[in-house]
C-alpha cells in the first residue's frame, strides 16, 4: 500500500482525498523541465499550477491550469503569495534558486503565526529537510558529508587565496576542477589543464561578478542572482577538486521521508557544453550510483524530486559523486516504467494515484532531450535514431522550443552580441560521445521535415 501523506493540506469544506492532488511547480529560470513536469503530473490526474517568470515554457502548455508570476525583485513575497493562494499538496522546485528560496521562506516562518505554520508544514512535506537545499549549494561540505557516508567522491578542498591554490596544485595532478558555491547549469565550474589556466580561473571565479556581465544576465535571462552577487562585497567560496576522467552521469530520484521510491540513472552522451547539462542520455543500471543516492537521501531525510551528478571513471567504471541538485532535473519527467516513473511514484506516496492508469513507458534506452539536442546540433544522428523527447501534445511548447534560447531573443540580446563582438556560430557544438564531427547549429529551421511531420 502506498504511504499516505502524514501532513494533509486542510481545505475548508472539502476532503483532500476527494480532490485532485494539487502540485505547484516553482521556477526562477526559464528551463523547460517545469513544462515537462506539468505535462507529466497533469497526465497522472493532478491539478498543476506554476510560479515562474513571464515567458517561461510552462506558460505555453495547457497542462498548467494556472500560472503565478515570479517577482525577481521580491521573490520570497511572490513565493509566499503563490503558496498561500494555491495551498498545494506538494510544491516542487525546478531550479536551484527556486529550491533555495523555499528554504529561505521556511527559515523565516514564525511559529506563532497560523499562516506561517501552514507554510512551514507544506515546505517540510514537499522537501523533507528544507536545510538540505542550502547544503546542496555548498560544494565542499556536501562532498565531505558524502565521504562520511562511504560514498566515493573526488578529493575536494576549499581555497580562499591564490597561495592556497598553489599549495594544492603542488600536491595534485592536473587537470584540476575549480568550482564556486551557489552556481548551477554548468556555470561556475572550470576544468583547467595548466597552472596558468588554474590561476586565471581562480581569479575569475573567486571575484564578484563584473557589474557589466551581471547587468547583461539580468537583462537577458531576467536572473538577478549575479547582480546581487556583484553588489555584495563577499566573494563566493571556491573549492578545488581532482578531475575524474570519464563520462558524466546522473541519477534522478523521487523520495519520501528519506526513502527512495523510484529512480532513473543515465549517462550523458552529449552535453550543451563541457560542464553543461546533457542533451542526449542513455538509461543505465549502476548499483554504485543507486547505493550512493540511497545513503544521501536517508541521511538528509529528503522528500520530492532530487538529482545527483556523478562521473563514471573511464579506466575503472567507478562512480564518483560530484554534485547534488536540490530540484527536479531534466530527466525527472520521463516515463520509463515501474520503478522509473518518478512523478507517478511521488503521487503514489502522496496517496493520489490509486485509480489512475500508468503512463506509457519509453521503449528505447537512448533519449534525445528536447529542445537541448535540437539546439546543440540540427544534424545530430540522435534526432533520427534515438527517442526524441518532443512534447507533441503541446504544439505551442514545441514552437517555443524551436526558437532561440531566451537569452538570445530580442533587441537586448542582439545588442549584447554586438558588444561582445562574438557571433553565436563562432562557438561550435561540444563533442558528442558517439559522434566524430559536429555541424553548426546557429540557424534553427522550425520546418525541418521530422518536426513538421510530428506537428501535423
Protein backbone atom coordinates (compact mmCIF):
# COMPACT_ATOMS: atom_id res chain seq x y z
CA UNK A 1 0.00 0.00 0.00
CA UNK A 2 1.33 3.46 -0.81
CA UNK A 3 2.36 5.55 2.16
CA UNK A 4 -0.23 8.21 2.94
CA UNK A 5 0.55 11.87 3.35
CA UNK A 6 1.24 12.38 7.08
CA UNK A 7 0.53 16.14 6.88
CA UNK A 8 -2.54 16.57 4.69
CA UNK A 9 -3.42 20.05 3.50
CA UNK A 10 -6.60 21.35 5.09
CA UNK A 11 -9.12 22.83 2.66
CA UNK A 12 -12.35 24.06 4.27
CA UNK A 13 -15.45 22.27 3.04
CA UNK A 14 -13.62 19.62 1.04
CA UNK A 15 -11.97 16.27 1.58
CA UNK A 16 -8.36 16.11 0.39
CA UNK A 17 -8.93 12.52 -0.76
CA UNK A 18 -11.92 13.61 -2.89
CA UNK A 19 -9.95 16.22 -4.79
CA UNK A 20 -7.30 16.01 -7.47
CA UNK A 21 -3.81 16.16 -5.98
CA UNK A 22 -2.53 19.73 -6.32
CA UNK A 23 1.02 20.35 -7.48
CA UNK A 24 2.75 23.74 -7.54
CA UNK A 25 5.89 23.91 -9.69
CA UNK A 26 8.25 26.79 -8.89
CA UNK A 27 10.90 28.19 -11.20
CA UNK A 28 13.10 31.28 -11.35
CA UNK A 29 14.84 30.38 -14.63
CA UNK A 30 13.29 29.55 -17.98
CA UNK A 31 14.36 25.93 -18.04
CA UNK A 32 11.87 23.59 -19.78
CA UNK A 33 11.68 20.96 -17.03
CA UNK A 34 8.75 22.71 -15.31
CA UNK A 35 6.73 22.46 -18.52
CA UNK A 36 7.53 18.77 -18.92
CA UNK A 37 6.65 18.02 -15.29
CA UNK A 38 3.39 19.94 -15.65
CA UNK A 39 2.51 17.63 -18.54
CA UNK A 40 3.51 14.51 -16.58
CA UNK A 41 1.56 15.39 -13.43
CA UNK A 42 -1.45 16.51 -15.45
CA UNK A 43 -1.44 13.21 -17.32
CA UNK A 44 -1.45 11.45 -13.96
CA UNK A 45 -4.60 13.28 -12.91
CA UNK A 46 -3.21 16.23 -10.93
CA UNK A 47 -4.20 19.86 -10.92
CA UNK A 48 -0.98 21.69 -11.75
CA UNK A 49 -0.14 25.33 -11.13
CA UNK A 50 3.18 27.11 -11.64
CA UNK A 51 5.12 30.04 -10.23
CA UNK A 52 7.55 31.20 -12.89
CA UNK A 53 8.93 34.18 -14.84
CA UNK A 54 6.90 35.61 -17.71
CA UNK A 55 7.61 33.84 -20.99
CA UNK A 56 8.53 30.59 -19.23
CA UNK A 57 7.98 27.42 -21.32
CA UNK A 58 5.30 26.23 -18.86
CA UNK A 59 3.12 29.18 -19.96
CA UNK A 60 2.97 27.54 -23.40
CA UNK A 61 1.28 24.41 -22.08
CA UNK A 62 -2.32 23.53 -21.34
CA UNK A 63 -1.16 21.30 -18.50
CA UNK A 64 -0.68 24.18 -16.07
CA UNK A 65 -4.18 25.27 -15.14
CA UNK A 66 -2.95 28.48 -13.52
CA UNK A 67 0.29 30.49 -13.59
CA UNK A 68 1.59 32.81 -10.86
CA UNK A 69 4.37 35.11 -11.99
CA UNK A 70 7.74 35.27 -10.26
CA UNK A 71 8.92 38.64 -8.98
CA UNK A 72 12.69 38.93 -9.41
CA UNK A 73 12.86 41.95 -7.09
CA UNK A 74 10.73 40.42 -4.30
CA UNK A 75 10.98 36.67 -4.90
CA UNK A 76 10.03 35.48 -1.40
CA UNK A 77 6.96 37.69 -1.34
CA UNK A 78 5.80 36.22 -4.67
CA UNK A 79 6.55 32.68 -3.48
CA UNK A 80 4.67 33.17 -0.22
CA UNK A 81 1.64 34.60 -2.02
CA UNK A 82 1.56 31.73 -4.53
CA UNK A 83 1.82 29.09 -1.80
CA UNK A 84 -0.93 30.63 0.33
CA UNK A 85 -3.22 31.13 -2.64
CA UNK A 86 -2.68 27.63 -4.04
CA UNK A 87 -2.10 25.60 -0.86
CA UNK A 88 -0.91 22.61 -2.89
CA UNK A 89 -0.33 19.09 -1.67
CA UNK A 90 3.28 19.38 -2.89
CA UNK A 91 5.50 22.18 -4.15
CA UNK A 92 8.31 21.10 -6.49
CA UNK A 93 11.26 23.42 -7.25
CA UNK A 94 12.52 23.22 -10.83
CA UNK A 95 15.82 25.07 -10.49
CA UNK A 96 18.36 25.58 -7.72
CA UNK A 97 17.37 29.14 -6.85
CA UNK A 98 13.72 28.08 -6.56
CA UNK A 99 14.76 25.41 -4.06
CA UNK A 100 16.90 27.83 -2.06
CA UNK A 101 14.01 30.30 -1.92
CA UNK A 102 11.80 27.61 -0.39
CA UNK A 103 14.47 27.03 2.25
CA UNK A 104 14.72 30.76 2.96
CA UNK A 105 10.97 31.13 3.23
CA UNK A 106 10.83 28.18 5.62
CA UNK A 107 13.63 29.65 7.74
CA UNK A 108 11.72 32.92 8.02
CA UNK A 109 8.42 31.40 9.11
CA UNK A 110 7.22 32.46 12.56
CA UNK A 111 5.90 29.57 14.63
CA UNK A 112 3.23 31.69 16.31
CA UNK A 113 1.60 32.77 13.03
CA UNK A 114 -1.06 30.33 11.66
CA UNK A 115 -0.23 31.11 8.01
CA UNK A 116 3.48 30.62 8.69
CA UNK A 117 2.83 27.29 10.41
CA UNK A 118 0.87 26.12 7.36
CA UNK A 119 3.68 27.22 5.02
CA UNK A 120 6.32 25.57 7.16
CA UNK A 121 4.40 22.27 7.17
CA UNK A 122 3.89 22.47 3.40
CA UNK A 123 7.58 23.08 2.67
CA UNK A 124 8.66 20.29 5.03
CA UNK A 125 6.15 17.93 3.43
CA UNK A 126 7.48 18.83 -0.03
CA UNK A 127 11.24 18.80 0.62
CA UNK A 128 11.65 16.68 3.73
CA UNK A 129 14.60 18.57 5.18
CA UNK A 130 14.49 22.15 3.77
CA UNK A 131 18.02 22.79 5.05
CA UNK A 132 19.33 20.20 2.57
CA UNK A 133 18.58 22.69 -0.23
CA UNK A 134 21.12 25.11 1.19
CA UNK A 135 23.62 22.31 1.86
CA UNK A 136 23.37 21.16 -1.76
CA UNK A 137 24.65 24.54 -2.97
CA UNK A 138 27.86 24.19 -0.93
CA UNK A 139 30.34 22.05 -2.84
CA UNK A 140 32.81 21.25 -0.06
CA UNK A 141 30.55 20.46 2.93
CA UNK A 142 28.23 18.35 0.80
CA UNK A 143 31.03 16.15 -0.53
CA UNK A 144 32.51 15.91 2.96
CA UNK A 145 29.19 14.52 4.18
CA UNK A 146 29.08 12.09 1.26
CA UNK A 147 32.58 10.87 2.11
CA UNK A 148 31.48 10.29 5.72
CA UNK A 149 28.73 8.05 4.36
CA UNK A 150 31.29 5.93 2.48
CA UNK A 151 30.37 7.38 -0.93
CA UNK A 152 33.14 7.66 -3.49
CA UNK A 153 33.98 11.34 -4.15
CA UNK A 154 36.94 13.12 -5.77
CA UNK A 155 39.33 14.81 -3.39
CA UNK A 156 37.87 18.27 -2.71
CA UNK A 157 39.11 21.16 -0.60
CA UNK A 158 38.28 24.82 -0.07
CA UNK A 159 40.72 27.51 -1.21
CA UNK A 160 40.45 31.15 -0.17
CA UNK A 161 43.64 32.52 -1.70
CA UNK A 162 45.94 32.09 -4.70
CA UNK A 163 48.58 30.80 -2.27
CA UNK A 164 46.21 28.03 -1.17
CA UNK A 165 45.67 27.19 -4.84
CA UNK A 166 49.44 26.93 -5.39
CA UNK A 167 49.82 24.67 -2.38
CA UNK A 168 47.02 22.40 -3.63
CA UNK A 169 48.44 22.25 -7.16
CA UNK A 170 51.81 21.19 -5.78
CA UNK A 171 50.18 18.08 -4.31
CA UNK A 172 47.66 17.20 -7.03
CA UNK A 173 48.00 16.32 -10.69
CA UNK A 174 46.41 18.35 -13.46
CA UNK A 175 43.80 18.73 -14.82
CA UNK A 176 42.05 20.34 -11.86
CA UNK A 177 38.44 21.39 -11.40
CA UNK A 178 37.69 24.77 -9.81
CA UNK A 179 34.15 25.50 -8.63
CA UNK A 180 32.22 28.12 -6.74
CA UNK A 181 29.24 27.62 -4.46
CA UNK A 182 25.80 28.80 -5.46
CA UNK A 183 26.18 28.14 -9.20
CA UNK A 184 24.23 25.80 -11.43
CA UNK A 185 23.69 24.68 -15.01
CA UNK A 186 27.42 24.21 -15.57
CA UNK A 187 28.23 27.81 -14.69
CA UNK A 188 30.80 28.46 -12.00
CA UNK A 189 32.87 25.42 -12.99
CA UNK A 190 36.22 25.42 -14.80
CA UNK A 191 38.35 22.45 -15.86
CA UNK A 192 41.95 23.63 -16.02
CA UNK A 193 44.93 21.90 -17.61
CA UNK A 194 47.84 24.11 -16.55
CA UNK A 195 48.86 26.22 -13.57
CA UNK A 196 48.26 29.39 -15.56
CA UNK A 197 44.74 28.24 -16.50
CA UNK A 198 44.08 27.34 -12.87
CA UNK A 199 45.18 30.77 -11.64
CA UNK A 200 43.14 32.55 -14.32
CA UNK A 201 40.05 30.51 -13.46
CA UNK A 202 40.56 31.01 -9.73
CA UNK A 203 40.87 34.78 -10.13
CA UNK A 204 37.76 34.90 -12.30
CA UNK A 205 35.57 32.63 -10.19
CA UNK A 206 36.64 33.96 -6.79
CA UNK A 207 35.84 37.55 -7.73
CA UNK A 208 32.44 39.15 -7.56
CA UNK A 209 30.74 39.01 -10.99
CA UNK A 210 31.65 42.03 -13.11
CA UNK A 211 28.84 44.54 -12.98
CA UNK A 212 28.70 44.69 -16.77
CA UNK A 213 28.17 40.94 -17.09
CA UNK A 214 25.79 40.82 -14.14
CA UNK A 215 23.62 43.50 -15.75
CA UNK A 216 23.66 41.56 -19.03
CA UNK A 217 22.48 38.41 -17.24
CA UNK A 218 19.75 40.40 -15.53
CA UNK A 219 18.52 41.76 -18.87
CA UNK A 220 19.00 38.62 -20.97
CA UNK A 221 17.98 35.88 -18.53
CA UNK A 222 15.93 38.04 -16.16
CA UNK A 223 18.16 36.49 -13.49
CA UNK A 224 19.12 38.93 -10.73
CA UNK A 225 21.30 36.49 -8.75
CA UNK A 226 24.60 37.56 -10.45
CA UNK A 227 23.66 41.21 -9.97
CA UNK A 228 23.05 40.68 -6.26
CA UNK A 229 26.41 38.88 -6.01
CA UNK A 230 28.13 41.71 -7.85
CA UNK A 231 26.73 44.31 -5.45
CA UNK A 232 27.76 42.33 -2.38
CA UNK A 233 31.30 42.68 -1.00
CA UNK A 234 31.81 39.00 -0.20
CA UNK A 235 33.37 36.67 -2.79
CA UNK A 236 31.82 33.23 -3.40
CA UNK A 237 33.51 30.25 -1.70
CA UNK A 238 35.84 28.35 -4.04
CA UNK A 239 36.59 24.63 -3.99
CA UNK A 240 39.34 22.71 -5.76
CA UNK A 241 38.66 19.19 -6.93
CA UNK A 242 40.60 16.37 -8.53
CA UNK A 243 39.48 15.81 -12.11
CA UNK A 244 37.96 12.39 -12.83
CA UNK A 245 38.46 11.32 -16.43
CA UNK A 246 35.26 9.66 -17.56
CA UNK A 247 31.63 10.16 -18.54
CA UNK A 248 29.12 12.39 -16.77
CA UNK A 249 26.13 10.58 -15.33
CA UNK A 250 23.08 11.46 -13.27
CA UNK A 251 20.61 9.71 -11.02
CA UNK A 252 17.23 11.38 -10.53
CA UNK A 253 15.02 10.10 -7.73
CA UNK A 254 11.58 10.52 -6.23
CA UNK A 255 11.88 10.19 -2.48
CA UNK A 256 9.63 10.35 0.56
CA UNK A 257 10.82 10.96 4.12
CA UNK A 258 14.33 9.65 3.46
CA UNK A 259 13.33 6.69 1.30
CA UNK A 260 13.93 6.38 -2.44
CA UNK A 261 10.65 5.49 -4.15
CA UNK A 262 11.85 5.40 -7.77
CA UNK A 263 14.92 6.41 -9.69
CA UNK A 264 16.39 6.78 -13.15
CA UNK A 265 20.12 6.62 -13.86
CA UNK A 266 21.60 7.87 -17.13
CA UNK A 267 24.95 8.60 -18.66
CA UNK A 268 25.33 11.70 -20.82
CA UNK A 269 26.23 11.06 -24.44
CA UNK A 270 26.06 14.73 -25.48
CA UNK A 271 26.11 17.95 -23.48
CA UNK A 272 25.44 21.61 -24.27
CA UNK A 273 28.99 22.49 -23.22
CA UNK A 274 31.83 20.76 -21.42
CA UNK A 275 30.31 21.29 -17.95
CA UNK A 276 26.71 21.91 -19.05
CA UNK A 277 23.51 19.87 -18.97
CA UNK A 278 23.05 16.73 -21.05
CA UNK A 279 21.19 16.83 -24.36
CA UNK A 280 21.33 13.08 -25.10
CA UNK A 281 21.33 10.40 -22.42
CA UNK A 282 21.46 6.62 -22.23
CA UNK A 283 19.47 4.90 -19.49
CA UNK A 284 21.77 2.68 -17.43
CA UNK A 285 21.81 0.48 -14.34
CA UNK A 286 24.58 1.32 -11.88
CA UNK A 287 24.49 -0.23 -8.44
CA UNK A 288 27.11 2.12 -7.01
CA UNK A 289 25.12 5.20 -8.02
CA UNK A 290 21.92 3.67 -6.64
CA UNK A 291 23.51 2.95 -3.25
CA UNK A 292 25.20 6.35 -3.02
CA UNK A 293 21.94 8.18 -3.61
CA UNK A 294 20.05 5.92 -1.22
CA UNK A 295 22.51 6.77 1.57
CA UNK A 296 22.30 10.50 0.91
CA UNK A 297 18.51 10.51 0.75
CA UNK A 298 18.29 8.58 4.00
CA UNK A 299 20.87 10.72 5.83
CA UNK A 300 19.34 14.04 4.73
CA UNK A 301 15.73 12.91 5.11
CA UNK A 302 14.75 14.03 1.63
CA UNK A 303 11.31 14.21 0.02
CA UNK A 304 10.38 15.19 -3.53
CA UNK A 305 12.39 15.14 -6.76
CA UNK A 306 16.19 15.38 -6.49
CA UNK A 307 19.11 14.75 -8.83
CA UNK A 308 22.66 13.64 -8.12
CA UNK A 309 25.53 14.10 -10.58
CA UNK A 310 28.35 11.59 -11.00
CA UNK A 311 31.35 10.95 -13.20
CA UNK A 312 31.91 7.32 -14.18
CA UNK A 313 35.66 6.86 -14.37
CA UNK A 314 36.67 5.57 -17.80
CA UNK A 315 39.52 3.39 -16.58
CA UNK A 316 37.72 1.63 -13.72
CA UNK A 317 33.96 2.17 -14.09
CA UNK A 318 33.87 3.62 -10.56
CA UNK A 319 31.13 6.21 -9.95
CA UNK A 320 32.33 9.43 -8.28
CA UNK A 321 29.64 11.68 -6.80
CA UNK A 322 30.36 15.31 -7.68
CA UNK A 323 27.19 17.31 -7.02
CA UNK A 324 23.62 17.20 -5.68
CA UNK A 325 20.77 19.13 -7.28
CA UNK A 326 18.01 20.07 -4.80
CA UNK A 327 15.35 20.12 -7.52
CA UNK A 328 13.85 18.35 -10.48
CA UNK A 329 16.43 17.63 -13.19
CA UNK A 330 15.86 17.32 -16.97
CA UNK A 331 15.13 13.56 -16.83
CA UNK A 332 12.64 13.54 -13.95
CA UNK A 333 9.58 13.73 -16.22
CA UNK A 334 10.50 10.69 -18.31
CA UNK A 335 8.14 7.69 -18.15
CA UNK A 336 10.38 4.62 -18.10
CA UNK A 337 8.11 2.05 -16.49
CA UNK A 338 7.69 0.71 -12.94
CA UNK A 339 10.36 1.96 -10.56
CA UNK A 340 11.43 4.62 -13.06
CA UNK A 341 8.36 6.84 -13.33
CA UNK A 342 9.24 9.48 -10.76
CA UNK A 343 6.05 11.64 -10.83
CA UNK A 344 3.89 8.50 -10.51
CA UNK A 345 5.95 7.23 -7.56
CA UNK A 346 5.67 10.57 -5.78
CA UNK A 347 1.91 10.67 -6.25
CA UNK A 348 1.61 7.11 -5.02
CA UNK A 349 3.33 8.08 -1.76
CA UNK A 350 1.06 11.10 -1.52
CA UNK A 351 -1.95 8.83 -1.84
CA UNK A 352 -3.23 10.34 -5.07
CA UNK A 353 -2.57 7.68 -7.71
CA UNK A 354 -4.79 4.81 -6.64
CA UNK A 355 -7.12 4.66 -9.65
CA UNK A 356 -5.05 6.27 -12.39
CA UNK A 357 -3.60 4.36 -15.34
CA UNK A 358 0.20 4.34 -15.65
CA UNK A 359 1.89 6.38 -18.36
CA UNK A 360 3.10 4.57 -21.46
CA UNK A 361 6.84 3.92 -20.99
CA UNK A 362 9.55 4.98 -23.42
CA UNK A 363 10.82 1.85 -25.16
CA UNK A 364 14.35 2.98 -26.10
CA UNK A 365 17.39 3.44 -23.89
CA UNK A 366 18.92 6.41 -25.76
CA UNK A 367 16.88 9.60 -25.40
CA UNK A 368 17.46 12.96 -27.11
CA UNK A 369 16.11 15.70 -24.86
CA UNK A 370 14.06 18.47 -26.46
CA UNK A 371 14.96 21.24 -27.16
CA UNK A 372 18.54 20.73 -25.97
CA UNK A 373 19.80 18.37 -28.67
CA UNK A 374 17.92 20.29 -31.37
CA UNK A 375 19.70 23.47 -30.29
CA UNK A 376 23.06 21.76 -29.91
CA UNK A 377 23.21 20.18 -33.37
CA UNK A 378 20.49 20.15 -36.01
CA UNK A 379 22.29 17.35 -37.86
CA UNK A 380 22.66 15.11 -34.81
CA UNK A 381 22.08 11.46 -35.60
CA UNK A 382 20.25 11.12 -32.29
CA UNK A 383 17.37 13.26 -33.54
CA UNK A 384 16.58 10.47 -36.00
CA UNK A 385 17.74 7.28 -34.26
CA UNK A 386 17.09 7.85 -30.55
CA UNK A 387 13.81 8.52 -28.83
CA UNK A 388 13.41 12.27 -29.42
CA UNK A 389 11.51 13.55 -26.41
CA UNK A 390 9.37 16.14 -28.23
CA UNK A 391 6.13 17.12 -26.42
CA UNK A 392 3.86 16.62 -29.45
CA UNK A 393 0.66 17.06 -27.42
CA UNK A 394 1.65 20.67 -26.65
CA UNK A 395 2.25 22.36 -30.05
CA UNK A 396 2.81 25.80 -28.52
CA UNK A 397 5.56 24.36 -26.30
CA UNK A 398 7.19 22.73 -29.34
CA UNK A 399 7.13 26.03 -31.22
CA UNK A 400 8.69 27.82 -28.27
CA UNK A 401 11.43 25.18 -28.08
CA UNK A 402 12.29 25.74 -31.74
CA UNK A 403 13.08 29.38 -31.08
CA UNK A 404 16.48 30.56 -29.97
CA UNK A 405 17.18 30.26 -26.24
CA UNK A 406 15.58 33.04 -24.22
CA UNK A 407 18.89 34.84 -23.64
CA UNK A 408 19.34 35.16 -27.42
CA UNK A 409 15.94 36.65 -28.21
CA UNK A 410 15.02 40.30 -28.72
CA UNK A 411 16.86 43.57 -29.16
CA UNK A 412 18.69 43.32 -25.84
CA UNK A 413 20.28 40.02 -26.90
CA UNK A 414 21.24 41.44 -30.30
CA UNK A 415 22.80 44.50 -28.69
CA UNK A 416 24.74 42.37 -26.21
CA UNK A 417 26.01 40.15 -29.03
CA UNK A 418 27.34 43.22 -30.85
CA UNK A 419 29.03 44.44 -27.66
CA UNK A 420 30.72 41.08 -27.23
CA UNK A 421 31.53 41.01 -30.98
CA UNK A 422 31.36 37.24 -30.93
CA UNK A 423 28.64 35.68 -33.09
CA UNK A 424 26.96 32.54 -31.84
CA UNK A 425 28.21 30.45 -34.73
CA UNK A 426 31.78 31.04 -33.53
CA UNK A 427 31.12 28.64 -30.66
CA UNK A 428 30.96 25.12 -32.14
CA UNK A 429 28.73 22.45 -30.67
CA UNK A 430 30.54 20.47 -27.97
CA UNK A 431 31.61 16.97 -28.95
CA UNK A 432 29.13 14.16 -28.60
CA UNK A 433 30.36 10.88 -27.18
CA UNK A 434 29.02 8.98 -30.20
CA UNK A 435 29.94 11.45 -32.96
CA UNK A 436 33.23 12.49 -34.54
CA UNK A 437 32.12 15.73 -36.22
CA UNK A 438 29.56 18.41 -35.49
CA UNK A 439 27.51 20.78 -37.59
CA UNK A 440 26.95 24.45 -36.79
CA UNK A 441 23.56 24.89 -35.11
CA UNK A 442 23.29 28.68 -35.22
CA UNK A 443 20.34 28.65 -37.64
CA UNK A 444 17.21 26.82 -36.47
CA UNK A 445 14.71 25.59 -39.02
CA UNK A 446 11.27 25.14 -37.43
CA UNK A 447 10.06 23.49 -40.62
CA UNK A 448 12.58 20.66 -40.60
CA UNK A 449 10.81 17.59 -42.03
CA UNK A 450 10.98 15.40 -38.91
CA UNK A 451 9.48 18.20 -36.79
CA UNK A 452 6.91 19.39 -39.32
CA UNK A 453 5.65 15.80 -39.71
CA UNK A 454 5.12 15.39 -35.97
CA UNK A 455 3.18 18.67 -35.63
CA UNK A 456 0.55 17.77 -38.21
